[in-house]
Amino acid sequence: MSLTIWVDGDACPNLIKTVLFRAAQKRQLALQLVANQSIATPPSKYIRAIRVGGGFDVADDYIVKHMRGGDLVITGDIPLAAKVIERQGDVINPRGEVYGAHNIGEKLAMRNFMEEMRNNGQVSGGAAAMAARDVQKFANALDKFLAGKQI
């Protein structure tokens, strides 16, 4: 199996990238980090940073264009997750939540509702800071996914 892990690199926390670097090296998996800026990566034939041009959704569009069904995408971007799922990809967000056909519609609706609330000034702020338990939850979700793929 030639699974590729794609990372929406602009917003991916460094602690999550570290988990991904170890997994890619240990399991000899292709790991592609796509971002509008340079991303430092350890030397590895399995890990590649791809810098795309600036602009709205340029990195997202690159991932969707180049991923294949069965690939894994790491992103907290709900619209990107929906596109990946539509193309038969799998998605785990940096906090370890798995997105799929079973829950992406609900996630999109909630995202749109919250965006409307923020635009109307009724809600402010965003997600809580990344905690150690979030990193552990992500690592567990990644391990479970990779074990299920029998890599």
N, C-alpha and C. Protein backbone atom coordinates (compact mmCIF):
# COMPACT_ATOMS: atom_id res chain seq x y z
N MET A 1 0.85 -1.18 0.00
CA MET A 1 0.00 0.00 0.00
C MET A 1 0.89 1.23 0.00
N SER A 2 0.53 2.21 -0.79
CA SER A 2 1.34 3.43 -0.86
C SER A 2 0.53 4.62 -0.34
N LEU A 3 0.23 4.58 0.93
CA LEU A 3 -0.48 5.65 1.59
C LEU A 3 0.41 6.88 1.68
N THR A 4 -0.16 8.03 1.39
CA THR A 4 0.52 9.30 1.61
C THR A 4 -0.25 10.06 2.68
N ILE A 5 0.48 10.66 3.60
CA ILE A 5 -0.13 11.53 4.59
C ILE A 5 0.13 12.96 4.14
N TRP A 6 -0.94 13.71 3.98
CA TRP A 6 -0.87 15.12 3.58
C TRP A 6 -1.17 15.97 4.81
N VAL A 7 -0.43 17.05 4.97
CA VAL A 7 -0.63 17.93 6.12
C VAL A 7 -0.91 19.34 5.63
N ASP A 8 -2.02 19.89 6.12
CA ASP A 8 -2.32 21.31 5.91
C ASP A 8 -1.36 22.05 6.84
N GLY A 9 -0.18 22.34 6.32
CA GLY A 9 0.95 22.75 7.14
C GLY A 9 0.90 24.12 7.76
N ASP A 10 0.15 25.05 7.19
CA ASP A 10 0.13 26.41 7.72
C ASP A 10 -0.43 26.47 9.14
N ALA A 11 -1.40 25.65 9.45
CA ALA A 11 -2.05 25.73 10.76
C ALA A 11 -1.75 24.54 11.66
N CYS A 12 -0.94 23.60 11.21
CA CYS A 12 -0.67 22.40 12.00
C CYS A 12 0.32 22.73 13.11
N PRO A 13 -0.04 22.45 14.36
CA PRO A 13 0.87 22.73 15.48
C PRO A 13 2.16 21.92 15.38
N ASN A 14 3.25 22.51 15.86
CA ASN A 14 4.55 21.84 15.79
C ASN A 14 4.57 20.52 16.54
N LEU A 15 3.86 20.43 17.66
CA LEU A 15 3.82 19.16 18.41
C LEU A 15 3.21 18.05 17.56
N ILE A 16 2.23 18.38 16.76
CA ILE A 16 1.58 17.39 15.88
C ILE A 16 2.53 17.02 14.74
N LYS A 17 3.24 18.01 14.21
CA LYS A 17 4.22 17.72 13.15
C LYS A 17 5.27 16.74 13.67
N THR A 18 5.70 16.91 14.90
CA THR A 18 6.70 16.01 15.49
C THR A 18 6.18 14.58 15.54
N VAL A 19 4.92 14.40 15.94
CA VAL A 19 4.30 13.07 15.96
C VAL A 19 4.30 12.50 14.54
N LEU A 20 3.95 13.32 13.58
CA LEU A 20 3.89 12.87 12.18
C LEU A 20 5.27 12.52 11.64
N PHE A 21 6.28 13.32 11.97
CA PHE A 21 7.64 13.03 11.52
C PHE A 21 8.09 11.65 12.02
N ARG A 22 7.83 11.37 13.29
CA ARG A 22 8.22 10.07 13.86
C ARG A 22 7.47 8.92 13.17
N ALA A 23 6.17 9.11 12.97
CA ALA A 23 5.35 8.05 12.35
C ALA A 23 5.81 7.78 10.92
N ALA A 24 6.08 8.83 10.16
CA ALA A 24 6.51 8.67 8.76
C ALA A 24 7.83 7.92 8.70
N GLN A 25 8.76 8.29 9.56
CA GLN A 25 10.06 7.65 9.56
C GLN A 25 9.95 6.19 10.01
N LYS A 26 9.25 5.95 11.09
CA LYS A 26 9.12 4.60 11.65
C LYS A 26 8.43 3.65 10.68
N ARG A 27 7.37 4.14 10.04
CA ARG A 27 6.56 3.28 9.16
C ARG A 27 6.92 3.43 7.69
N GLN A 28 7.90 4.27 7.41
CA GLN A 28 8.37 4.50 6.04
C GLN A 28 7.22 4.94 5.13
N LEU A 29 6.52 5.98 5.58
CA LEU A 29 5.37 6.52 4.85
C LEU A 29 5.71 7.89 4.26
N ALA A 30 5.17 8.17 3.09
CA ALA A 30 5.32 9.49 2.50
C ALA A 30 4.51 10.50 3.31
N LEU A 31 5.17 11.57 3.73
CA LEU A 31 4.54 12.65 4.48
C LEU A 31 4.80 13.94 3.73
N GLN A 32 3.72 14.58 3.28
CA GLN A 32 3.81 15.80 2.49
C GLN A 32 3.19 16.95 3.29
N LEU A 33 3.99 17.94 3.66
CA LEU A 33 3.50 19.11 4.38
C LEU A 33 3.36 20.25 3.38
N VAL A 34 2.14 20.73 3.20
CA VAL A 34 1.87 21.75 2.20
C VAL A 34 1.53 23.05 2.91
N ALA A 35 2.23 24.14 2.54
CA ALA A 35 2.03 25.42 3.23
C ALA A 35 2.40 26.59 2.33
N ASN A 36 1.96 27.78 2.75
CA ASN A 36 2.29 29.02 2.05
C ASN A 36 3.64 29.57 2.51
N GLN A 37 4.23 28.93 3.50
CA GLN A 37 5.51 29.38 4.05
C GLN A 37 6.46 28.19 4.15
N SER A 38 7.71 28.47 4.40
CA SER A 38 8.68 27.38 4.56
C SER A 38 8.41 26.65 5.87
N ILE A 39 8.53 25.33 5.84
CA ILE A 39 8.37 24.51 7.03
C ILE A 39 9.64 23.70 7.22
N ALA A 40 10.20 23.77 8.42
CA ALA A 40 11.39 23.00 8.73
C ALA A 40 11.00 21.54 8.92
N THR A 41 11.74 20.66 8.27
CA THR A 41 11.49 19.23 8.41
C THR A 41 12.81 18.53 8.68
N PRO A 42 12.75 17.40 9.36
CA PRO A 42 13.99 16.64 9.57
C PRO A 42 14.44 16.01 8.26
N PRO A 43 15.74 15.73 8.13
CA PRO A 43 16.19 15.06 6.91
C PRO A 43 15.61 13.65 6.84
N SER A 44 14.90 13.37 5.78
CA SER A 44 14.29 12.05 5.60
C SER A 44 13.85 11.91 4.16
N LYS A 45 14.00 10.71 3.63
CA LYS A 45 13.52 10.47 2.27
C LYS A 45 12.00 10.33 2.24
N TYR A 46 11.36 10.27 3.41
CA TYR A 46 9.92 10.09 3.48
C TYR A 46 9.16 11.40 3.70
N ILE A 47 9.87 12.44 4.13
CA ILE A 47 9.22 13.69 4.52
C ILE A 47 9.57 14.80 3.53
N ARG A 48 8.53 15.50 3.07
CA ARG A 48 8.74 16.56 2.09
C ARG A 48 7.87 17.77 2.43
N ALA A 49 8.48 18.94 2.44
CA ALA A 49 7.74 20.19 2.62
C ALA A 49 7.51 20.79 1.24
N ILE A 50 6.28 21.15 0.96
CA ILE A 50 5.91 21.73 -0.33
C ILE A 50 5.42 23.14 -0.07
N ARG A 51 6.10 24.11 -0.63
CA ARG A 51 5.70 25.51 -0.46
C ARG A 51 4.92 25.94 -1.68
N VAL A 52 3.69 26.40 -1.44
CA VAL A 52 2.83 26.88 -2.51
C VAL A 52 2.75 28.40 -2.42
N GLY A 53 2.21 29.01 -3.46
CA GLY A 53 2.07 30.46 -3.46
C GLY A 53 1.07 30.92 -2.41
N GLY A 54 1.16 32.20 -2.09
CA GLY A 54 0.21 32.77 -1.14
C GLY A 54 -1.17 32.88 -1.75
N GLY A 55 -2.13 33.09 -0.90
CA GLY A 55 -3.50 33.24 -1.39
C GLY A 55 -4.45 32.32 -0.68
N PHE A 56 -5.71 32.67 -0.75
CA PHE A 56 -6.75 31.94 -0.05
C PHE A 56 -6.91 30.54 -0.61
N ASP A 57 -6.78 29.52 0.23
CA ASP A 57 -7.00 28.11 -0.11
C ASP A 57 -6.01 27.53 -1.12
N VAL A 58 -4.86 28.17 -1.35
CA VAL A 58 -3.90 27.64 -2.31
C VAL A 58 -3.35 26.29 -1.83
N ALA A 59 -2.98 26.21 -0.56
CA ALA A 59 -2.47 24.95 -0.02
C ALA A 59 -3.57 23.88 -0.03
N ASP A 60 -4.78 24.27 0.34
CA ASP A 60 -5.90 23.32 0.33
C ASP A 60 -6.13 22.77 -1.07
N ASP A 61 -6.14 23.66 -2.05
CA ASP A 61 -6.37 23.24 -3.43
C ASP A 61 -5.27 22.29 -3.91
N TYR A 62 -4.03 22.55 -3.49
CA TYR A 62 -2.91 21.68 -3.88
C TYR A 62 -3.14 20.27 -3.31
N ILE A 63 -3.51 20.21 -2.04
CA ILE A 63 -3.73 18.91 -1.40
C ILE A 63 -4.84 18.15 -2.12
N VAL A 64 -5.96 18.80 -2.36
CA VAL A 64 -7.10 18.14 -3.01
C VAL A 64 -6.73 17.67 -4.41
N LYS A 65 -5.95 18.46 -5.12
CA LYS A 65 -5.56 18.11 -6.49
C LYS A 65 -4.62 16.90 -6.52
N HIS A 66 -3.72 16.79 -5.54
CA HIS A 66 -2.68 15.77 -5.60
C HIS A 66 -2.95 14.52 -4.76
N MET A 67 -3.87 14.58 -3.83
CA MET A 67 -4.16 13.40 -3.00
C MET A 67 -4.89 12.34 -3.80
N ARG A 68 -4.84 11.11 -3.30
CA ARG A 68 -5.57 10.00 -3.91
C ARG A 68 -6.53 9.43 -2.88
N GLY A 69 -7.54 8.74 -3.36
CA GLY A 69 -8.45 8.05 -2.45
C GLY A 69 -7.66 7.13 -1.54
N GLY A 70 -7.98 7.13 -0.27
CA GLY A 70 -7.27 6.32 0.70
C GLY A 70 -6.12 7.03 1.38
N ASP A 71 -5.70 8.19 0.85
CA ASP A 71 -4.68 8.98 1.53
C ASP A 71 -5.27 9.59 2.79
N LEU A 72 -4.40 9.97 3.70
CA LEU A 72 -4.80 10.60 4.96
C LEU A 72 -4.40 12.07 4.91
N VAL A 73 -5.34 12.94 5.30
CA VAL A 73 -5.06 14.37 5.38
C VAL A 73 -5.22 14.81 6.82
N ILE A 74 -4.24 15.58 7.29
CA ILE A 74 -4.29 16.13 8.64
C ILE A 74 -4.65 17.61 8.50
N THR A 75 -5.84 17.96 8.97
CA THR A 75 -6.29 19.35 8.89
C THR A 75 -7.41 19.60 9.88
N GLY A 76 -7.48 20.83 10.33
CA GLY A 76 -8.60 21.28 11.14
C GLY A 76 -9.57 22.10 10.31
N ASP A 77 -9.26 22.26 9.03
CA ASP A 77 -10.06 23.06 8.10
C ASP A 77 -11.24 22.21 7.62
N ILE A 78 -12.43 22.53 8.08
CA ILE A 78 -13.62 21.72 7.79
C ILE A 78 -13.95 21.69 6.29
N PRO A 79 -13.95 22.83 5.58
CA PRO A 79 -14.22 22.75 4.13
C PRO A 79 -13.20 21.88 3.39
N LEU A 80 -11.92 21.96 3.78
CA LEU A 80 -10.91 21.09 3.16
C LEU A 80 -11.22 19.64 3.48
N ALA A 81 -11.56 19.35 4.73
CA ALA A 81 -11.90 17.99 5.12
C ALA A 81 -13.05 17.45 4.27
N ALA A 82 -14.05 18.27 4.04
CA ALA A 82 -15.20 17.85 3.23
C ALA A 82 -14.77 17.48 1.81
N LYS A 83 -13.87 18.28 1.23
CA LYS A 83 -13.38 17.98 -0.13
C LYS A 83 -12.58 16.69 -0.15
N VAL A 84 -11.78 16.47 0.87
CA VAL A 84 -10.97 15.25 0.96
C VAL A 84 -11.88 14.03 1.06
N ILE A 85 -12.88 14.11 1.91
CA ILE A 85 -13.81 12.99 2.09
C ILE A 85 -14.57 12.71 0.79
N GLU A 86 -14.94 13.78 0.09
CA GLU A 86 -15.62 13.63 -1.20
C GLU A 86 -14.75 12.87 -2.19
N ARG A 87 -13.43 13.02 -2.06
CA ARG A 87 -12.48 12.34 -2.96
C ARG A 87 -12.00 11.01 -2.38
N GLN A 88 -12.73 10.50 -1.38
CA GLN A 88 -12.44 9.19 -0.78
C GLN A 88 -11.18 9.17 0.07
N GLY A 89 -10.77 10.33 0.57
CA GLY A 89 -9.64 10.39 1.50
C GLY A 89 -10.12 10.30 2.93
N ASP A 90 -9.18 10.15 3.84
CA ASP A 90 -9.47 10.11 5.26
C ASP A 90 -8.91 11.36 5.92
N VAL A 91 -9.53 11.79 7.01
CA VAL A 91 -9.13 13.03 7.68
C VAL A 91 -9.08 12.84 9.18
N ILE A 92 -7.98 13.33 9.77
CA ILE A 92 -7.87 13.45 11.23
C ILE A 92 -7.47 14.89 11.50
N ASN A 93 -8.17 15.54 12.45
CA ASN A 93 -7.76 16.90 12.78
C ASN A 93 -6.63 16.86 13.80
N PRO A 94 -5.92 17.98 14.00
CA PRO A 94 -4.76 17.97 14.91
C PRO A 94 -5.10 17.65 16.37
N ARG A 95 -6.36 17.63 16.72
CA ARG A 95 -6.74 17.26 18.09
C ARG A 95 -7.21 15.81 18.18
N GLY A 96 -7.05 15.05 17.07
CA GLY A 96 -7.33 13.63 17.08
C GLY A 96 -8.75 13.25 16.72
N GLU A 97 -9.55 14.20 16.26
CA GLU A 97 -10.92 13.88 15.84
C GLU A 97 -10.91 13.39 14.40
N VAL A 98 -11.58 12.28 14.17
CA VAL A 98 -11.65 11.71 12.83
C VAL A 98 -12.89 12.26 12.14
N TYR A 99 -12.70 12.78 10.93
CA TYR A 99 -13.82 13.25 10.12
C TYR A 99 -14.10 12.22 9.03
N GLY A 100 -15.37 12.01 8.76
CA GLY A 100 -15.76 11.09 7.71
C GLY A 100 -17.14 11.44 7.21
N ALA A 101 -17.65 10.61 6.31
CA ALA A 101 -18.98 10.84 5.74
C ALA A 101 -20.03 10.86 6.84
N HIS A 102 -19.77 10.16 7.95
CA HIS A 102 -20.73 10.07 9.05
C HIS A 102 -20.90 11.37 9.84
N ASN A 103 -19.90 12.29 9.78
CA ASN A 103 -20.01 13.50 10.59
C ASN A 103 -19.63 14.80 9.90
N ILE A 104 -19.17 14.76 8.65
CA ILE A 104 -18.68 15.99 8.01
C ILE A 104 -19.80 16.99 7.73
N GLY A 105 -21.01 16.51 7.41
CA GLY A 105 -22.12 17.43 7.18
C GLY A 105 -22.44 18.24 8.43
N GLU A 106 -22.48 17.57 9.56
CA GLU A 106 -22.73 18.24 10.84
C GLU A 106 -21.61 19.23 11.16
N LYS A 107 -20.36 18.84 10.93
CA LYS A 107 -19.21 19.72 11.20
C LYS A 107 -19.26 20.96 10.32
N LEU A 108 -19.63 20.79 9.04
CA LEU A 108 -19.74 21.94 8.13
C LEU A 108 -20.85 22.89 8.59
N ALA A 109 -21.99 22.33 8.97
CA ALA A 109 -23.11 23.16 9.41
C ALA A 109 -22.73 23.95 10.66
N MET A 110 -22.06 23.30 11.62
CA MET A 110 -21.66 23.99 12.85
C MET A 110 -20.61 25.05 12.56
N ARG A 111 -19.67 24.75 11.67
CA ARG A 111 -18.66 25.73 11.29
C ARG A 111 -19.30 26.97 10.68
N ASN A 112 -20.23 26.75 9.77
CA ASN A 112 -20.90 27.88 9.11
C ASN A 112 -21.73 28.69 10.10
N PHE A 113 -22.39 28.01 11.02
CA PHE A 113 -23.18 28.69 12.05
C PHE A 113 -22.27 29.56 12.93
N MET A 114 -21.14 28.99 13.38
CA MET A 114 -20.23 29.74 14.24
C MET A 114 -19.58 30.90 13.50
N GLU A 115 -19.30 30.72 12.22
CA GLU A 115 -18.73 31.82 11.42
C GLU A 115 -19.73 32.96 11.33
N GLU A 116 -20.99 32.63 11.13
CA GLU A 116 -22.04 33.64 11.07
C GLU A 116 -22.16 34.36 12.42
N MET A 117 -22.08 33.61 13.50
CA MET A 117 -22.15 34.22 14.84
C MET A 117 -20.97 35.16 15.07
N ARG A 118 -19.76 34.77 14.65
CA ARG A 118 -18.58 35.63 14.79
C ARG A 118 -18.73 36.88 13.94
N ASN A 119 -19.22 36.71 12.70
CA ASN A 119 -19.40 37.85 11.81
C ASN A 119 -20.41 38.85 12.36
N ASN A 120 -21.37 38.37 13.11
CA ASN A 120 -22.38 39.23 13.72
C ASN A 120 -21.95 39.76 15.07
N GLY A 121 -20.74 39.41 15.51
CA GLY A 121 -20.23 39.87 16.79
C GLY A 121 -20.84 39.19 18.00
N GLN A 122 -21.53 38.09 17.79
CA GLN A 122 -22.19 37.40 18.90
C GLN A 122 -21.27 36.41 19.59
N VAL A 123 -20.18 36.04 18.95
CA VAL A 123 -19.22 35.11 19.51
C VAL A 123 -17.83 35.61 19.13
N SER A 124 -16.87 35.45 20.03
CA SER A 124 -15.50 35.81 19.70
C SER A 124 -14.58 34.69 20.16
N GLY A 125 -13.36 34.75 19.70
CA GLY A 125 -12.38 33.74 20.10
C GLY A 125 -12.43 32.52 19.21
N GLY A 126 -11.54 31.60 19.53
CA GLY A 126 -11.45 30.39 18.74
C GLY A 126 -11.24 29.20 19.64
N ALA A 127 -10.58 28.21 19.12
CA ALA A 127 -10.33 26.98 19.87
C ALA A 127 -9.35 27.22 21.01
N ALA A 128 -9.45 26.41 22.03
CA ALA A 128 -8.53 26.49 23.16
C ALA A 128 -7.13 26.10 22.71
N ALA A 129 -6.13 26.52 23.47
CA ALA A 129 -4.74 26.18 23.15
C ALA A 129 -4.56 24.66 23.18
N MET A 130 -3.63 24.19 22.38
CA MET A 130 -3.32 22.77 22.30
C MET A 130 -2.74 22.31 23.64
N ALA A 131 -3.27 21.24 24.17
CA ALA A 131 -2.81 20.68 25.44
C ALA A 131 -2.16 19.32 25.18
N ALA A 132 -1.42 18.83 26.17
CA ALA A 132 -0.75 17.53 26.05
C ALA A 132 -1.75 16.42 25.74
N ARG A 133 -2.94 16.49 26.33
CA ARG A 133 -3.95 15.45 26.07
C ARG A 133 -4.41 15.48 24.61
N ASP A 134 -4.41 16.67 23.98
CA ASP A 134 -4.78 16.77 22.56
C ASP A 134 -3.73 16.07 21.69
N VAL A 135 -2.46 16.27 22.02
CA VAL A 135 -1.38 15.62 21.26
C VAL A 135 -1.50 14.11 21.42
N GLN A 136 -1.77 13.64 22.64
CA GLN A 136 -1.91 12.21 22.88
C GLN A 136 -3.11 11.64 22.13
N LYS A 137 -4.21 12.38 22.13
CA LYS A 137 -5.40 11.94 21.40
C LYS A 137 -5.11 11.84 19.90
N PHE A 138 -4.36 12.82 19.38
CA PHE A 138 -3.98 12.77 17.96
C PHE A 138 -3.11 11.55 17.69
N ALA A 139 -2.08 11.34 18.52
CA ALA A 139 -1.17 10.21 18.32
C ALA A 139 -1.94 8.89 18.36
N ASN A 140 -2.89 8.77 19.27
CA ASN A 140 -3.70 7.55 19.37
C ASN A 140 -4.56 7.36 18.12
N ALA A 141 -5.18 8.44 17.64
CA ALA A 141 -6.03 8.36 16.44
C ALA A 141 -5.18 7.97 15.22
N LEU A 142 -3.99 8.55 15.12
CA LEU A 142 -3.10 8.23 14.00
C LEU A 142 -2.67 6.76 14.06
N ASP A 143 -2.28 6.30 15.24
CA ASP A 143 -1.88 4.89 15.40
C ASP A 143 -3.02 3.96 15.03
N LYS A 144 -4.22 4.27 15.51
CA LYS A 144 -5.39 3.43 15.21
C LYS A 144 -5.67 3.41 13.71
N PHE A 145 -5.58 4.57 13.07
CA PHE A 145 -5.80 4.65 11.62
C PHE A 145 -4.78 3.79 10.88
N LEU A 146 -3.49 3.98 11.22
CA LEU A 146 -2.44 3.25 10.52
C LEU A 146 -2.52 1.75 10.79
N ALA A 147 -2.90 1.36 11.99
CA ALA A 147 -3.06 -0.07 12.29
C ALA A 147 -4.20 -0.66 11.47
N GLY A 148 -5.27 0.11 11.29
CA GLY A 148 -6.40 -0.33 10.48
C GLY A 148 -6.06 -0.49 9.02
N LYS A 149 -5.09 0.29 8.57
CA LYS A 149 -4.62 0.19 7.18
C LYS A 149 -3.59 -0.92 7.02
N GLN A 150 -3.18 -1.51 8.15
CA GLN A 150 -2.18 -2.58 8.19
C GLN A 150 -0.90 -2.19 7.47
N ILE A 151 -0.38 -1.07 7.89
CA ILE A 151 0.87 -0.56 7.30
C ILE A 151 2.05 -1.06 8.09
